[in-house]
Amino acid sequence: MDSMPAAHIINVGNLQTVSVREWVTQCYACFDRVPSFVNVEKKVEQRKYFPFYDYEYCLDVQRQQEICPQITPLQEGLQEAAAWYLSHENEVNKKPYPAYIDDNLV
């Protein structure tokens, strides 16, 4: 039995590009909520309130499309992730980002 797959996918994502604001809005929609946004103007280490500050958001998913052309639409995938979260919430290691934002940035 061959233990290595014939093809590899490096980046996993959707072809649709969305802004961080759009992504957050769609995540909130999974819980029937609407986010409110606050611009951060203080000079604070970004890593303390936003976990992906140095992450490239636009991924090349061409290889993924070649290997697996059928993809789950973004909103459907977010809904599935939200449902998983709700049934496993006590297993998630949450970081206190909202409290940090309230105490230091708002």
Protein backbone atom coordinates (compact mmCIF):
# COMPACT_ATOMS: atom_id res chain seq x y z
CA MET A 1 0.00 0.00 0.00
CA ASP A 2 1.33 3.41 -0.96
CA SER A 3 1.24 5.74 2.06
CA MET A 4 1.94 8.92 0.07
CA PRO A 5 -0.80 10.47 -2.05
CA ALA A 6 -0.13 10.98 -5.74
CA ALA A 7 -0.98 14.68 -5.49
CA HIS A 8 -0.73 17.28 -2.75
CA ILE A 9 -2.69 20.43 -2.02
CA ILE A 10 -0.77 23.21 -0.33
CA ASN A 11 -3.46 25.91 0.06
CA VAL A 12 -7.11 25.14 0.73
CA GLY A 13 -9.70 27.80 0.10
CA ASN A 14 -12.33 29.11 -2.25
CA LEU A 15 -11.95 30.74 -5.64
CA GLN A 16 -14.09 33.63 -4.38
CA THR A 17 -11.98 36.38 -2.80
CA VAL A 18 -13.54 38.27 0.09
CA SER A 19 -12.24 41.04 2.31
CA VAL A 20 -11.67 40.45 6.01
CA ARG A 21 -14.75 42.60 6.71
CA GLU A 22 -16.86 40.46 4.34
CA TRP A 23 -15.49 37.24 5.89
CA VAL A 24 -16.28 38.44 9.42
CA THR A 25 -19.78 39.50 8.32
CA GLN A 26 -20.38 36.04 6.82
CA CYS A 27 -19.08 34.35 9.99
CA TYR A 28 -21.46 36.41 12.13
CA ALA A 29 -24.33 35.55 9.78
CA CYS A 30 -23.80 31.87 10.66
CA PHE A 31 -24.98 32.76 14.16
CA ASP A 32 -27.74 35.14 12.96
CA ARG A 33 -25.73 38.14 14.14
CA VAL A 34 -24.47 41.34 12.55
CA PRO A 35 -21.00 42.55 13.53
CA SER A 36 -20.09 46.09 14.45
CA PHE A 37 -16.68 47.33 13.36
CA VAL A 38 -14.35 49.68 15.20
CA ASN A 39 -11.27 51.16 13.56
CA VAL A 40 -8.14 50.66 15.69
CA GLU A 41 -5.99 53.76 15.69
CA LYS A 42 -3.81 53.19 18.76
CA LYS A 43 -0.29 51.86 18.23
CA VAL A 44 -0.71 48.45 19.84
CA GLU A 45 1.02 45.21 18.90
CA GLN A 46 -1.42 43.80 16.37
CA ARG A 47 -0.76 40.19 17.39
CA LYS A 48 -2.44 40.88 20.75
CA TYR A 49 -5.84 41.52 19.21
CA PHE A 50 -5.75 39.93 15.76
CA PRO A 51 -4.26 36.43 15.44
CA PHE A 52 -3.50 36.52 11.71
CA TYR A 53 -1.90 39.93 11.32
CA ASP A 54 0.96 38.73 9.10
CA TYR A 55 -1.03 36.17 7.10
CA GLU A 56 -1.48 36.35 3.33
CA TYR A 57 -5.24 36.24 2.77
CA CYS A 58 -5.23 35.63 -0.97
CA LEU A 59 -4.32 32.01 -1.60
CA ASP A 60 -3.55 30.32 -4.88
CA VAL A 61 -6.04 27.44 -4.98
CA GLN A 62 -5.36 26.40 -8.58
CA ARG A 63 -3.80 23.07 -7.55
CA GLN A 64 -6.78 22.36 -5.29
CA GLN A 65 -9.12 22.97 -8.24
CA GLU A 66 -7.15 20.51 -10.38
CA ILE A 67 -7.30 17.76 -7.77
CA CYS A 68 -10.77 18.47 -6.38
CA PRO A 69 -12.82 20.64 -8.74
CA GLN A 70 -16.00 20.46 -6.63
CA ILE A 71 -15.73 22.90 -3.75
CA THR A 72 -18.05 23.82 -0.93
CA PRO A 73 -19.30 27.41 -1.30
CA LEU A 74 -17.82 29.71 1.33
CA GLN A 75 -21.06 30.43 3.20
CA GLU A 76 -21.96 26.73 3.29
CA GLY A 77 -18.51 25.84 4.65
CA LEU A 78 -18.78 28.57 7.28
CA GLN A 79 -22.21 27.23 8.29
CA GLU A 80 -20.74 23.73 8.68
CA ALA A 81 -17.85 25.12 10.75
CA ALA A 82 -20.27 27.09 12.94
CA ALA A 83 -22.40 23.99 13.55
CA TRP A 84 -19.26 22.03 14.51
CA TYR A 85 -18.19 24.84 16.84
CA LEU A 86 -21.56 24.92 18.59
CA SER A 87 -21.40 21.19 19.25
CA HIS A 88 -17.72 21.29 20.39
CA GLU A 89 -17.47 24.72 22.02
CA ASN A 90 -16.14 23.32 25.30
CA GLU A 91 -13.23 21.70 23.41
CA VAL A 92 -12.03 24.93 21.77
CA ASN A 93 -9.09 26.77 23.35
CA LYS A 94 -10.45 30.30 23.12
CA LYS A 95 -8.18 33.33 23.44
CA PRO A 96 -9.50 36.46 25.20
CA TYR A 97 -9.31 38.75 22.16
CA PRO A 98 -12.66 40.50 22.79
CA ALA A 99 -11.63 41.39 26.37
CA TYR A 100 -8.25 42.66 25.19
CA ILE A 101 -9.90 44.82 22.54
CA ASP A 102 -12.40 46.24 25.04
CA ASP A 103 -9.67 46.97 27.61
CA ASN A 104 -7.01 48.36 25.29
CA LEU A 105 -8.35 49.46 21.93
CA VAL A 106 -11.87 50.83 22.29
